[in-house]
Amino acid sequence: MIVMKFGGSSVESAVAIARVAEIVRSRLAEKPVVVVSAMGKTTNALLAAAELAADGQRDAAQAALDALEAFTLGEAHASLRGFIALHFQELGAFLDELTQIGDFP
């Protein structure tokens, strides 16, 4: 068994993720356990949107989420777009809740 972790520039785009898949495929005989970070700048963008929502800036939070969704959908294979869009709708509902609560760690 081998643990393989990929993050940062190795998962920043669909092309980069395809390279990661090839690397993993080349090591299948070693029974890899694969750990993958969020795609390029996703974590920071989600945190920024959450902080904006908690500060009562719901429109700005939605704009940040919309920009992240556009980037993600641009990188996604067509068969995944509906799946991704559904999750972004759920994230939008989360921003609504943060706006109502007015607090984010």
PDB file of N, CA and C in Angstrom:
ATOM      1  N   MET A   1       0.845  -1.176   0.000  1.00  0.00           N
ATOM      2  CA  MET A   1       0.000   0.000   0.000  1.00  0.00           C
ATOM      3  C   MET A   1       0.892   1.241   0.000  1.00  0.00           C
ATOM      4  N   ILE A   2       0.396   2.276  -0.688  1.00  0.00           N
ATOM      5  CA  ILE A   2       1.091   3.556  -0.725  1.00  0.00           C
ATOM      6  C   ILE A   2       0.040   4.658  -0.562  1.00  0.00           C
ATOM      7  N   VAL A   3       0.373   5.679   0.224  1.00  0.00           N
ATOM      8  CA  VAL A   3      -0.500   6.840   0.378  1.00  0.00           C
ATOM      9  C   VAL A   3       0.019   7.925  -0.557  1.00  0.00           C
ATOM     10  N   MET A   4      -0.882   8.445  -1.373  1.00  0.00           N
ATOM     11  CA  MET A   4      -0.520   9.484  -2.339  1.00  0.00           C
ATOM     12  C   MET A   4      -1.390  10.698  -2.056  1.00  0.00           C
ATOM     13  N   LYS A   5      -0.762  11.853  -1.768  1.00  0.00           N
ATOM     14  CA  LYS A   5      -1.511  13.080  -1.493  1.00  0.00           C
ATOM     15  C   LYS A   5      -1.209  14.099  -2.575  1.00  0.00           C
ATOM     16  N   PHE A   6      -2.266  14.705  -3.083  1.00  0.00           N
ATOM     17  CA  PHE A   6      -2.122  15.713  -4.123  1.00  0.00           C
ATOM     18  C   PHE A   6      -2.851  16.974  -3.697  1.00  0.00           C
ATOM     19  N   GLY A   7      -2.218  18.105  -3.896  1.00  0.00           N
ATOM     20  CA  GLY A   7      -2.832  19.383  -3.558  1.00  0.00           C
ATOM     21  C   GLY A   7      -2.192  20.489  -4.366  1.00  0.00           C
ATOM     22  N   GLY A   8      -2.629  21.704  -4.113  1.00  0.00           N
ATOM     23  CA  GLY A   8      -2.040  22.867  -4.771  1.00  0.00           C
ATOM     24  C   GLY A   8      -2.135  22.801  -6.270  1.00  0.00           C
ATOM     25  N   SER A   9      -1.028  23.077  -6.941  1.00  0.00           N
ATOM     26  CA  SER A   9      -1.035  23.152  -8.402  1.00  0.00           C
ATOM     27  C   SER A   9      -1.319  21.806  -9.058  1.00  0.00           C
ATOM     28  N   SER A  10      -1.151  20.705  -8.324  1.00  0.00           N
ATOM     29  CA  SER A  10      -1.418  19.394  -8.926  1.00  0.00           C
ATOM     30  C   SER A  10      -2.908  19.127  -9.101  1.00  0.00           C
ATOM     31  N   VAL A  11      -3.766  19.948  -8.473  1.00  0.00           N
ATOM     32  CA  VAL A  11      -5.219  19.795  -8.643  1.00  0.00           C
ATOM     33  C   VAL A  11      -5.886  21.124  -9.003  1.00  0.00           C
ATOM     34  N   GLU A  12      -5.148  22.030  -9.633  1.00  0.00           N
ATOM     35  CA  GLU A  12      -5.675  23.369  -9.900  1.00  0.00           C
ATOM     36  C   GLU A  12      -6.623  23.438 -11.088  1.00  0.00           C
ATOM     37  N   SER A  13      -6.643  22.412 -11.925  1.00  0.00           N
ATOM     38  CA  SER A  13      -7.495  22.438 -13.114  1.00  0.00           C
ATOM     39  C   SER A  13      -7.813  21.013 -13.541  1.00  0.00           C
ATOM     40  N   ALA A  14      -8.733  20.901 -14.505  1.00  0.00           N
ATOM     41  CA  ALA A  14      -9.083  19.580 -15.019  1.00  0.00           C
ATOM     42  C   ALA A  14      -7.874  18.901 -15.655  1.00  0.00           C
ATOM     43  N   VAL A  15      -7.052  19.658 -16.351  1.00  0.00           N
ATOM     44  CA  VAL A  15      -5.848  19.100 -16.978  1.00  0.00           C
ATOM     45  C   VAL A  15      -4.897  18.569 -15.909  1.00  0.00           C
ATOM     46  N   ALA A  16      -4.712  19.339 -14.846  1.00  0.00           N
ATOM     47  CA  ALA A  16      -3.829  18.907 -13.758  1.00  0.00           C
ATOM     48  C   ALA A  16      -4.377  17.655 -13.080  1.00  0.00           C
ATOM     49  N   ILE A  17      -5.685  17.606 -12.884  1.00  0.00           N
ATOM     50  CA  ILE A  17      -6.302  16.440 -12.245  1.00  0.00           C
ATOM     51  C   ILE A  17      -6.145  15.205 -13.131  1.00  0.00           C
ATOM     52  N   ALA A  18      -6.210  15.381 -14.436  1.00  0.00           N
ATOM     53  CA  ALA A  18      -5.989  14.258 -15.351  1.00  0.00           C
ATOM     54  C   ALA A  18      -4.572  13.713 -15.195  1.00  0.00           C
ATOM     55  N   ARG A  19      -3.603  14.605 -14.978  1.00  0.00           N
ATOM     56  CA  ARG A  19      -2.221  14.153 -14.744  1.00  0.00           C
ATOM     57  C   ARG A  19      -2.138  13.354 -13.447  1.00  0.00           C
ATOM     58  N   VAL A  20      -2.835  13.817 -12.417  1.00  0.00           N
ATOM     59  CA  VAL A  20      -2.863  13.088 -11.142  1.00  0.00           C
ATOM     60  C   VAL A  20      -3.439  11.692 -11.358  1.00  0.00           C
ATOM     61  N   ALA A  21      -4.515  11.608 -12.127  1.00  0.00           N
ATOM     62  CA  ALA A  21      -5.130  10.303 -12.397  1.00  0.00           C
ATOM     63  C   ALA A  21      -4.142   9.359 -13.071  1.00  0.00           C
ATOM     64  N   GLU A  22      -3.350   9.875 -13.996  1.00  0.00           N
ATOM     65  CA  GLU A  22      -2.339   9.051 -14.664  1.00  0.00           C
ATOM     66  C   GLU A  22      -1.276   8.571 -13.677  1.00  0.00           C
ATOM     67  N   ILE A  23      -0.859   9.453 -12.797  1.00  0.00           N
ATOM     68  CA  ILE A  23       0.138   9.073 -11.789  1.00  0.00           C
ATOM     69  C   ILE A  23      -0.413   7.956 -10.911  1.00  0.00           C
ATOM     70  N   VAL A  24      -1.648   8.111 -10.469  1.00  0.00           N
ATOM     71  CA  VAL A  24      -2.267   7.087  -9.617  1.00  0.00           C
ATOM     72  C   VAL A  24      -2.392   5.777 -10.388  1.00  0.00           C
ATOM     73  N   ARG A  25      -2.849   5.855 -11.648  1.00  0.00           N
ATOM     74  CA  ARG A  25      -2.976   4.641 -12.466  1.00  0.00           C
ATOM     75  C   ARG A  25      -1.649   3.906 -12.585  1.00  0.00           C
ATOM     76  N   SER A  26      -0.569   4.658 -12.670  1.00  0.00           N
ATOM     77  CA  SER A  26       0.745   4.027 -12.829  1.00  0.00           C
ATOM     78  C   SER A  26       1.197   3.291 -11.572  1.00  0.00           C
ATOM     79  N   ARG A  27       0.512   3.530 -10.448  1.00  0.00           N
ATOM     80  CA  ARG A  27       0.905   2.911  -9.174  1.00  0.00           C
ATOM     81  C   ARG A  27      -0.153   1.947  -8.636  1.00  0.00           C
ATOM     82  N   LEU A  28      -1.108   1.541  -9.468  1.00  0.00           N
ATOM     83  CA  LEU A  28      -2.200   0.689  -9.001  1.00  0.00           C
ATOM     84  C   LEU A  28      -1.717  -0.607  -8.361  1.00  0.00           C
ATOM     85  N   ALA A  29      -0.615  -1.138  -8.838  1.00  0.00           N
ATOM     86  CA  ALA A  29      -0.089  -2.382  -8.271  1.00  0.00           C
ATOM     87  C   ALA A  29       0.277  -2.226  -6.799  1.00  0.00           C
ATOM     88  N   GLU A  30       0.534  -0.985  -6.373  1.00  0.00           N
ATOM     89  CA  GLU A  30       0.902  -0.716  -4.979  1.00  0.00           C
ATOM     90  C   GLU A  30      -0.309  -0.423  -4.098  1.00  0.00           C
ATOM     91  N   LYS A  31      -1.518  -0.587  -4.647  1.00  0.00           N
ATOM     92  CA  LYS A  31      -2.762  -0.358  -3.915  1.00  0.00           C
ATOM     93  C   LYS A  31      -2.786   1.022  -3.254  1.00  0.00           C
ATOM     94  N   PRO A  32      -2.798   2.071  -4.064  1.00  0.00           N
ATOM     95  CA  PRO A  32      -2.715   3.424  -3.508  1.00  0.00           C
ATOM     96  C   PRO A  32      -3.963   3.844  -2.729  1.00  0.00           C
ATOM     97  N   VAL A  33      -3.711   4.599  -1.673  1.00  0.00           N
ATOM     98  CA  VAL A  33      -4.745   5.339  -0.961  1.00  0.00           C
ATOM     99  C   VAL A  33      -4.502   6.788  -1.370  1.00  0.00           C
ATOM    100  N   VAL A  34      -5.500   7.419  -1.976  1.00  0.00           N
ATOM    101  CA  VAL A  34      -5.310   8.743  -2.559  1.00  0.00           C
ATOM    102  C   VAL A  34      -6.042   9.796  -1.738  1.00  0.00           C
ATOM    103  N   VAL A  35      -5.318  10.861  -1.385  1.00  0.00           N
ATOM    104  CA  VAL A  35      -5.870  12.010  -0.669  1.00  0.00           C
ATOM    105  C   VAL A  35      -5.725  13.211  -1.595  1.00  0.00           C
ATOM    106  N   VAL A  36      -6.835  13.906  -1.837  1.00  0.00           N
ATOM    107  CA  VAL A  36      -6.821  15.023  -2.779  1.00  0.00           C
ATOM    108  C   VAL A  36      -7.394  16.265  -2.109  1.00  0.00           C
ATOM    109  N   SER A  37      -6.681  17.366  -2.215  1.00  0.00           N
ATOM    110  CA  SER A  37      -7.166  18.653  -1.710  1.00  0.00           C
ATOM    111  C   SER A  37      -8.206  19.216  -2.667  1.00  0.00           C
ATOM    112  N   ALA A  38      -8.897  20.253  -2.220  1.00  0.00           N
ATOM    113  CA  ALA A  38      -9.843  20.950  -3.087  1.00  0.00           C
ATOM    114  C   ALA A  38      -9.097  21.573  -4.260  1.00  0.00           C
ATOM    115  N   MET A  39      -9.784  21.718  -5.377  1.00  0.00           N
ATOM    116  CA  MET A  39      -9.178  22.281  -6.576  1.00  0.00           C
ATOM    117  C   MET A  39      -8.774  23.734  -6.346  1.00  0.00           C
ATOM    118  N   GLY A  40      -7.660  24.134  -6.931  1.00  0.00           N
ATOM    119  CA  GLY A  40      -7.043  25.448  -6.827  1.00  0.00           C
ATOM    120  C   GLY A  40      -7.859  26.584  -6.229  1.00  0.00           C
ATOM    121  N   LYS A  41      -7.495  27.042  -5.091  1.00  0.00           N
ATOM    122  CA  LYS A  41      -8.056  28.208  -4.385  1.00  0.00           C
ATOM    123  C   LYS A  41      -9.503  28.022  -3.921  1.00  0.00           C
ATOM    124  N   THR A  42     -10.055  26.813  -4.024  1.00  0.00           N
ATOM    125  CA  THR A  42     -11.446  26.569  -3.633  1.00  0.00           C
ATOM    126  C   THR A  42     -11.663  26.817  -2.150  1.00  0.00           C
ATOM    127  N   THR A  43     -10.795  26.299  -1.308  1.00  0.00           N
ATOM    128  CA  THR A  43     -10.965  26.465   0.135  1.00  0.00           C
ATOM    129  C   THR A  43     -10.973  27.939   0.514  1.00  0.00           C
ATOM    130  N   ASN A  44     -10.018  28.702  -0.001  1.00  0.00           N
ATOM    131  CA  ASN A  44      -9.964  30.139   0.316  1.00  0.00           C
ATOM    132  C   ASN A  44     -11.214  30.861  -0.167  1.00  0.00           C
ATOM    133  N   ALA A  45     -11.701  30.501  -1.350  1.00  0.00           N
ATOM    134  CA  ALA A  45     -12.901  31.151  -1.887  1.00  0.00           C
ATOM    135  C   ALA A  45     -14.127  30.836  -1.038  1.00  0.00           C
ATOM    136  N   LEU A  46     -14.253  29.599  -0.575  1.00  0.00           N
ATOM    137  CA  LEU A  46     -15.385  29.230   0.281  1.00  0.00           C
ATOM    138  C   LEU A  46     -15.319  29.955   1.622  1.00  0.00           C
ATOM    139  N   LEU A  47     -14.134  30.040   2.195  1.00  0.00           N
ATOM    140  CA  LEU A  47     -13.982  30.755   3.468  1.00  0.00           C
ATOM    141  C   LEU A  47     -14.311  32.236   3.307  1.00  0.00           C
ATOM    142  N   ALA A  48     -13.876  32.830   2.213  1.00  0.00           N
ATOM    143  CA  ALA A  48     -14.167  34.248   1.973  1.00  0.00           C
ATOM    144  C   ALA A  48     -15.668  34.474   1.834  1.00  0.00           C
ATOM    145  N   ALA A  49     -16.352  33.600   1.106  1.00  0.00           N
ATOM    146  CA  ALA A  49     -17.803  33.731   0.947  1.00  0.00           C
ATOM    147  C   ALA A  49     -18.509  33.585   2.288  1.00  0.00           C
ATOM    148  N   ALA A  50     -18.073  32.638   3.100  1.00  0.00           N
ATOM    149  CA  ALA A  50     -18.684  32.437   4.416  1.00  0.00           C
ATOM    150  C   ALA A  50     -18.486  33.659   5.310  1.00  0.00           C
ATOM    151  N   GLU A  51     -17.289  34.220   5.289  1.00  0.00           N
ATOM    152  CA  GLU A  51     -17.018  35.405   6.109  1.00  0.00           C
ATOM    153  C   GLU A  51     -17.858  36.599   5.657  1.00  0.00           C
ATOM    154  N   LEU A  52     -18.004  36.777   4.347  1.00  0.00           N
ATOM    155  CA  LEU A  52     -18.843  37.862   3.830  1.00  0.00           C
ATOM    156  C   LEU A  52     -20.292  37.685   4.277  1.00  0.00           C
ATOM    157  N   ALA A  53     -20.791  36.462   4.191  1.00  0.00           N
ATOM    158  CA  ALA A  53     -22.173  36.198   4.610  1.00  0.00           C
ATOM    159  C   ALA A  53     -22.357  36.479   6.091  1.00  0.00           C
ATOM    160  N   ALA A  54     -21.420  36.014   6.898  1.00  0.00           N
ATOM    161  CA  ALA A  54     -21.514  36.232   8.349  1.00  0.00           C
ATOM    162  C   ALA A  54     -21.432  37.713   8.697  1.00  0.00           C
ATOM    163  N   ASP A  55     -20.776  38.502   7.852  1.00  0.00           N
ATOM    164  CA  ASP A  55     -20.686  39.955   8.055  1.00  0.00           C
ATOM    165  C   ASP A  55     -21.909  40.688   7.505  1.00  0.00           C
ATOM    166  N   GLY A  56     -22.904  39.925   7.043  1.00  0.00           N
ATOM    167  CA  GLY A  56     -24.121  40.535   6.528  1.00  0.00           C
ATOM    168  C   GLY A  56     -24.046  40.968   5.077  1.00  0.00           C
ATOM    169  N   GLN A  57     -22.977  40.602   4.401  1.00  0.00           N
ATOM    170  CA  GLN A  57     -22.781  40.993   3.000  1.00  0.00           C
ATOM    171  C   GLN A  57     -23.203  39.848   2.071  1.00  0.00           C
ATOM    172  N   ARG A  58     -24.487  39.523   2.123  1.00  0.00           N
ATOM    173  CA  ARG A  58     -25.000  38.350   1.402  1.00  0.00           C
ATOM    174  C   ARG A  58     -24.783  38.455  -0.104  1.00  0.00           C
ATOM    175  N   ASP A  59     -24.996  39.626  -0.686  1.00  0.00           N
ATOM    176  CA  ASP A  59     -24.810  39.770  -2.136  1.00  0.00           C
ATOM    177  C   ASP A  59     -23.355  39.541  -2.539  1.00  0.00           C
ATOM    178  N   ALA A  60     -22.434  40.074  -1.754  1.00  0.00           N
ATOM    179  CA  ALA A  60     -21.009  39.870  -2.043  1.00  0.00           C
ATOM    180  C   ALA A  60     -20.634  38.403  -1.856  1.00  0.00           C
ATOM    181  N   ALA A  61     -21.218  37.767  -0.838  1.00  0.00           N
ATOM    182  CA  ALA A  61     -20.958  36.345  -0.607  1.00  0.00           C
ATOM    183  C   ALA A  61     -21.443  35.522  -1.794  1.00  0.00           C
ATOM    184  N   GLN A  62     -22.628  35.851  -2.300  1.00  0.00           N
ATOM    185  CA  GLN A  62     -23.163  35.119  -3.451  1.00  0.00           C
ATOM    186  C   GLN A  62     -22.311  35.354  -4.688  1.00  0.00           C
ATOM    187  N   ALA A  63     -21.820  36.571  -4.860  1.00  0.00           N
ATOM    188  CA  ALA A  63     -20.951  36.866  -6.004  1.00  0.00           C
ATOM    189  C   ALA A  63     -19.677  36.024  -5.940  1.00  0.00           C
ATOM    190  N   ALA A  64     -19.112  35.885  -4.744  1.00  0.00           N
ATOM    191  CA  ALA A  64     -17.913  35.058  -4.573  1.00  0.00           C
ATOM    192  C   ALA A  64     -18.225  33.597  -4.882  1.00  0.00           C
ATOM    193  N   LEU A  65     -19.379  33.128  -4.409  1.00  0.00           N
ATOM    194  CA  LEU A  65     -19.784  31.749  -4.670  1.00  0.00           C
ATOM    195  C   LEU A  65     -20.053  31.536  -6.161  1.00  0.00           C
ATOM    196  N   ASP A  66     -20.690  32.505  -6.800  1.00  0.00           N
ATOM    197  CA  ASP A  66     -20.958  32.410  -8.239  1.00  0.00           C
ATOM    198  C   ASP A  66     -19.662  32.330  -9.043  1.00  0.00           C
ATOM    199  N   ALA A  67     -18.666  33.116  -8.650  1.00  0.00           N
ATOM    200  CA  ALA A  67     -17.374  33.086  -9.347  1.00  0.00           C
ATOM    201  C   ALA A  67     -16.711  31.724  -9.191  1.00  0.00           C
ATOM    202  N   LEU A  68     -16.785  31.162  -7.991  1.00  0.00           N
ATOM    203  CA  LEU A  68     -16.205  29.841  -7.759  1.00  0.00           C
ATOM    204  C   LEU A  68     -16.954  28.781  -8.558  1.00  0.00           C
ATOM    205  N   GLU A  69     -18.278  28.889  -8.593  1.00  0.00           N
ATOM    206  CA  GLU A  69     -19.068  27.930  -9.367  1.00  0.00           C
ATOM    207  C   GLU A  69     -18.708  28.008 -10.849  1.00  0.00           C
ATOM    208  N   ALA A  70     -18.576  29.209 -11.385  1.00  0.00           N
ATOM    209  CA  ALA A  70     -18.221  29.372 -12.798  1.00  0.00           C
ATOM    210  C   ALA A  70     -16.865  28.738 -13.092  1.00  0.00           C
ATOM    211  N   PHE A  71     -15.903  28.957 -12.206  1.00  0.00           N
ATOM    212  CA  PHE A  71     -14.580  28.351 -12.379  1.00  0.00           C
ATOM    213  C   PHE A  71     -14.682  26.829 -12.345  1.00  0.00           C
ATOM    214  N   THR A  72     -15.402  26.308 -11.347  1.00  0.00           N
ATOM    215  CA  THR A  72     -15.519  24.859 -11.176  1.00  0.00           C
ATOM    216  C   THR A  72     -16.233  24.227 -12.362  1.00  0.00           C
ATOM    217  N   LEU A  73     -17.345  24.827 -12.787  1.00  0.00           N
ATOM    218  CA  LEU A  73     -18.072  24.292 -13.937  1.00  0.00           C
ATOM    219  C   LEU A  73     -17.247  24.374 -15.211  1.00  0.00           C
ATOM    220  N   GLY A  74     -16.433  25.407 -15.326  1.00  0.00           N
ATOM    221  CA  GLY A  74     -15.566  25.526 -16.489  1.00  0.00           C
ATOM    222  C   GLY A  74     -14.553  24.402 -16.567  1.00  0.00           C
ATOM    223  N   GLU A  75     -14.174  23.880 -15.428  1.00  0.00           N
ATOM    224  CA  GLU A  75     -13.196  22.797 -15.380  1.00  0.00           C
ATOM    225  C   GLU A  75     -13.850  21.416 -15.431  1.00  0.00           C
ATOM    226  N   ALA A  76     -15.138  21.361 -15.180  1.00  0.00           N
ATOM    227  CA  ALA A  76     -15.821  20.076 -15.030  1.00  0.00           C
ATOM    228  C   ALA A  76     -16.193  19.456 -16.372  1.00  0.00           C
ATOM    229  N   HIS A  77     -16.194  18.169 -16.390  1.00  0.00           N
ATOM    230  CA  HIS A  77     -16.696  17.418 -17.528  1.00  0.00           C
ATOM    231  C   HIS A  77     -18.209  17.605 -17.577  1.00  0.00           C
ATOM    232  N   ALA A  78     -18.782  17.639 -18.746  1.00  0.00           N
ATOM    233  CA  ALA A  78     -20.211  17.919 -18.918  1.00  0.00           C
ATOM    234  C   ALA A  78     -21.093  17.017 -18.061  1.00  0.00           C
ATOM    235  N   SER A  79     -20.720  15.774 -17.882  1.00  0.00           N
ATOM    236  CA  SER A  79     -21.557  14.850 -17.114  1.00  0.00           C
ATOM    237  C   SER A  79     -21.603  15.193 -15.637  1.00  0.00           C
ATOM    238  N   LEU A  80     -20.663  15.991 -15.160  1.00  0.00           N
ATOM    239  CA  LEU A  80     -20.620  16.355 -13.747  1.00  0.00           C
ATOM    240  C   LEU A  80     -21.280  17.692 -13.455  1.00  0.00           C
ATOM    241  N   ARG A  81     -21.619  18.454 -14.468  1.00  0.00           N
ATOM    242  CA  ARG A  81     -22.091  19.826 -14.256  1.00  0.00           C
ATOM    243  C   ARG A  81     -23.360  19.906 -13.426  1.00  0.00           C
ATOM    244  N   GLY A  82     -24.342  19.044 -13.670  1.00  0.00           N
ATOM    245  CA  GLY A  82     -25.573  19.065 -12.882  1.00  0.00           C
ATOM    246  C   GLY A  82     -25.309  18.726 -11.427  1.00  0.00           C
ATOM    247  N   PHE A  83     -24.452  17.742 -11.203  1.00  0.00           N
ATOM    248  CA  PHE A  83     -24.077  17.329  -9.850  1.00  0.00           C
ATOM    249  C   PHE A  83     -23.413  18.484  -9.105  1.00  0.00           C
ATOM    250  N   ILE A  84     -22.508  19.168  -9.773  1.00  0.00           N
ATOM    251  CA  ILE A  84     -21.803  20.292  -9.158  1.00  0.00           C
ATOM    252  C   ILE A  84     -22.765  21.442  -8.892  1.00  0.00           C
ATOM    253  N   ALA A  85     -23.639  21.736  -9.846  1.00  0.00           N
ATOM    254  CA  ALA A  85     -24.594  22.833  -9.680  1.00  0.00           C
ATOM    255  C   ALA A  85     -25.485  22.605  -8.463  1.00  0.00           C
ATOM    256  N   LEU A  86     -25.911  21.370  -8.234  1.00  0.00           N
ATOM    257  CA  LEU A  86     -26.735  21.049  -7.068  1.00  0.00           C
ATOM    258  C   LEU A  86     -25.996  21.367  -5.775  1.00  0.00           C
ATOM    259  N   HIS A  87     -24.723  21.027  -5.709  1.00  0.00           N
ATOM    260  CA  HIS A  87     -23.941  21.301  -4.502  1.00  0.00           C
ATOM    261  C   HIS A  87     -23.736  22.800  -4.289  1.00  0.00           C
ATOM    262  N   PHE A  88     -23.605  23.549  -5.355  1.00  0.00           N
ATOM    263  CA  PHE A  88     -23.481  24.995  -5.197  1.00  0.00           C
ATOM    264  C   PHE A  88     -24.788  25.614  -4.721  1.00  0.00           C
ATOM    265  N   GLN A  89     -25.932  25.035  -5.090  1.00  0.00           N
ATOM    266  CA  GLN A  89     -27.213  25.503  -4.550  1.00  0.00           C
ATOM    267  C   GLN A  89     -27.252  25.277  -3.037  1.00  0.00           C
ATOM    268  N   GLU A  90     -26.758  24.122  -2.596  1.00  0.00           N
ATOM    269  CA  GLU A  90     -26.698  23.832  -1.162  1.00  0.00           C
ATOM    270  C   GLU A  90     -25.769  24.812  -0.448  1.00  0.00           C
ATOM    271  N   LEU A  91     -24.651  25.147  -1.075  1.00  0.00           N
ATOM    272  CA  LEU A  91     -23.735  26.122  -0.478  1.00  0.00           C
ATOM    273  C   LEU A  91     -24.390  27.493  -0.383  1.00  0.00           C
ATOM    274  N   GLY A  92     -25.198  27.854  -1.370  1.00  0.00           N
ATOM    275  CA  GLY A  92     -25.927  29.115  -1.317  1.00  0.00           C
ATOM    276  C   GLY A  92     -26.883  29.153  -0.134  1.00  0.00           C
ATOM    277  N   ALA A  93     -27.553  28.038   0.139  1.00  0.00           N
ATOM    278  CA  ALA A  93     -28.441  27.956   1.305  1.00  0.00           C
ATOM    279  C   ALA A  93     -27.640  28.106   2.595  1.00  0.00           C
ATOM    280  N   PHE A  94     -26.438  27.554   2.621  1.00  0.00           N
ATOM    281  CA  PHE A  94     -25.563  27.694   3.785  1.00  0.00           C
ATOM    282  C   PHE A  94     -25.196  29.162   3.999  1.00  0.00           C
ATOM    283  N   LEU A  95     -24.920  29.886   2.912  1.00  0.00           N
ATOM    284  CA  LEU A  95     -24.617  31.316   3.037  1.00  0.00           C
ATOM    285  C   LEU A  95     -25.818  32.072   3.594  1.00  0.00           C
ATOM    286  N   ASP A  96     -27.030  31.681   3.184  1.00  0.00           N
ATOM    287  CA  ASP A  96     -28.237  32.298   3.754  1.00  0.00           C
ATOM    288  C   ASP A  96     -28.268  32.115   5.270  1.00  0.00           C
ATOM    289  N   GLU A  97     -27.965  30.903   5.720  1.00  0.00           N
ATOM    290  CA  GLU A  97     -27.959  30.621   7.158  1.00  0.00           C
ATOM    291  C   GLU A  97     -26.899  31.444   7.881  1.00  0.00           C
ATOM    292  N   LEU A  98     -25.714  31.552   7.292  1.00  0.00           N
ATOM    293  CA  LEU A  98     -24.657  32.354   7.914  1.00  0.00           C
ATOM    294  C   LEU A  98     -25.057  33.818   8.000  1.00  0.00           C
ATOM    295  N   THR A  99     -25.752  34.306   6.970  1.00  0.00           N
ATOM    296  CA  THR A  99     -26.211  35.691   6.981  1.00  0.00           C
ATOM    297  C   THR A  99     -27.194  35.913   8.123  1.00  0.00           C
ATOM    298  N   GLN A 100     -28.084  34.958   8.348  1.00  0.00           N
ATOM    299  CA  GLN A 100     -29.059  35.070   9.434  1.00  0.00           C
ATOM    300  C   GLN A 100     -28.396  34.978  10.804  1.00  0.00           C
ATOM    301  N   ILE A 101     -27.431  34.073  10.934  1.00  0.00           N
ATOM    302  CA  ILE A 101     -26.736  33.882  12.213  1.00  0.00           C
ATOM    303  C   ILE A 101     -25.813  35.056  12.506  1.00  0.00           C
ATOM    304  N   GLY A 102     -25.115  35.535  11.481  1.00  0.00           N
ATOM    305  CA  GLY A 102     -24.202  36.658  11.645  1.00  0.00           C
ATOM    306  C   GLY A 102     -22.906  36.306  12.337  1.00  0.00           C
ATOM    307  N   ASP A 103     -22.504  35.031  12.254  1.00  0.00           N
ATOM    308  CA  ASP A 103     -21.266  34.618  12.915  1.00  0.00           C
ATOM    309  C   ASP A 103     -20.615  33.523  12.091  1.00  0.00           C
ATOM    310  N   PHE A 104     -19.309  33.563  12.027  1.00  0.00           N
ATOM    311  CA  PHE A 104     -18.531  32.521  11.370  1.00  0.00           C
ATOM    312  C   PHE A 104     -17.206  32.427  12.107  1.00  0.00           C
ATOM    313  N   PRO A 105     -16.815  31.208  12.473  1.00  0.00           N
ATOM    314  CA  PRO A 105     -15.582  31.061  13.282  1.00  0.00           C
ATOM    315  C   PRO A 105     -14.376  31.753  12.727  1.00  0.00           C
TER     316      PRO A 105
END
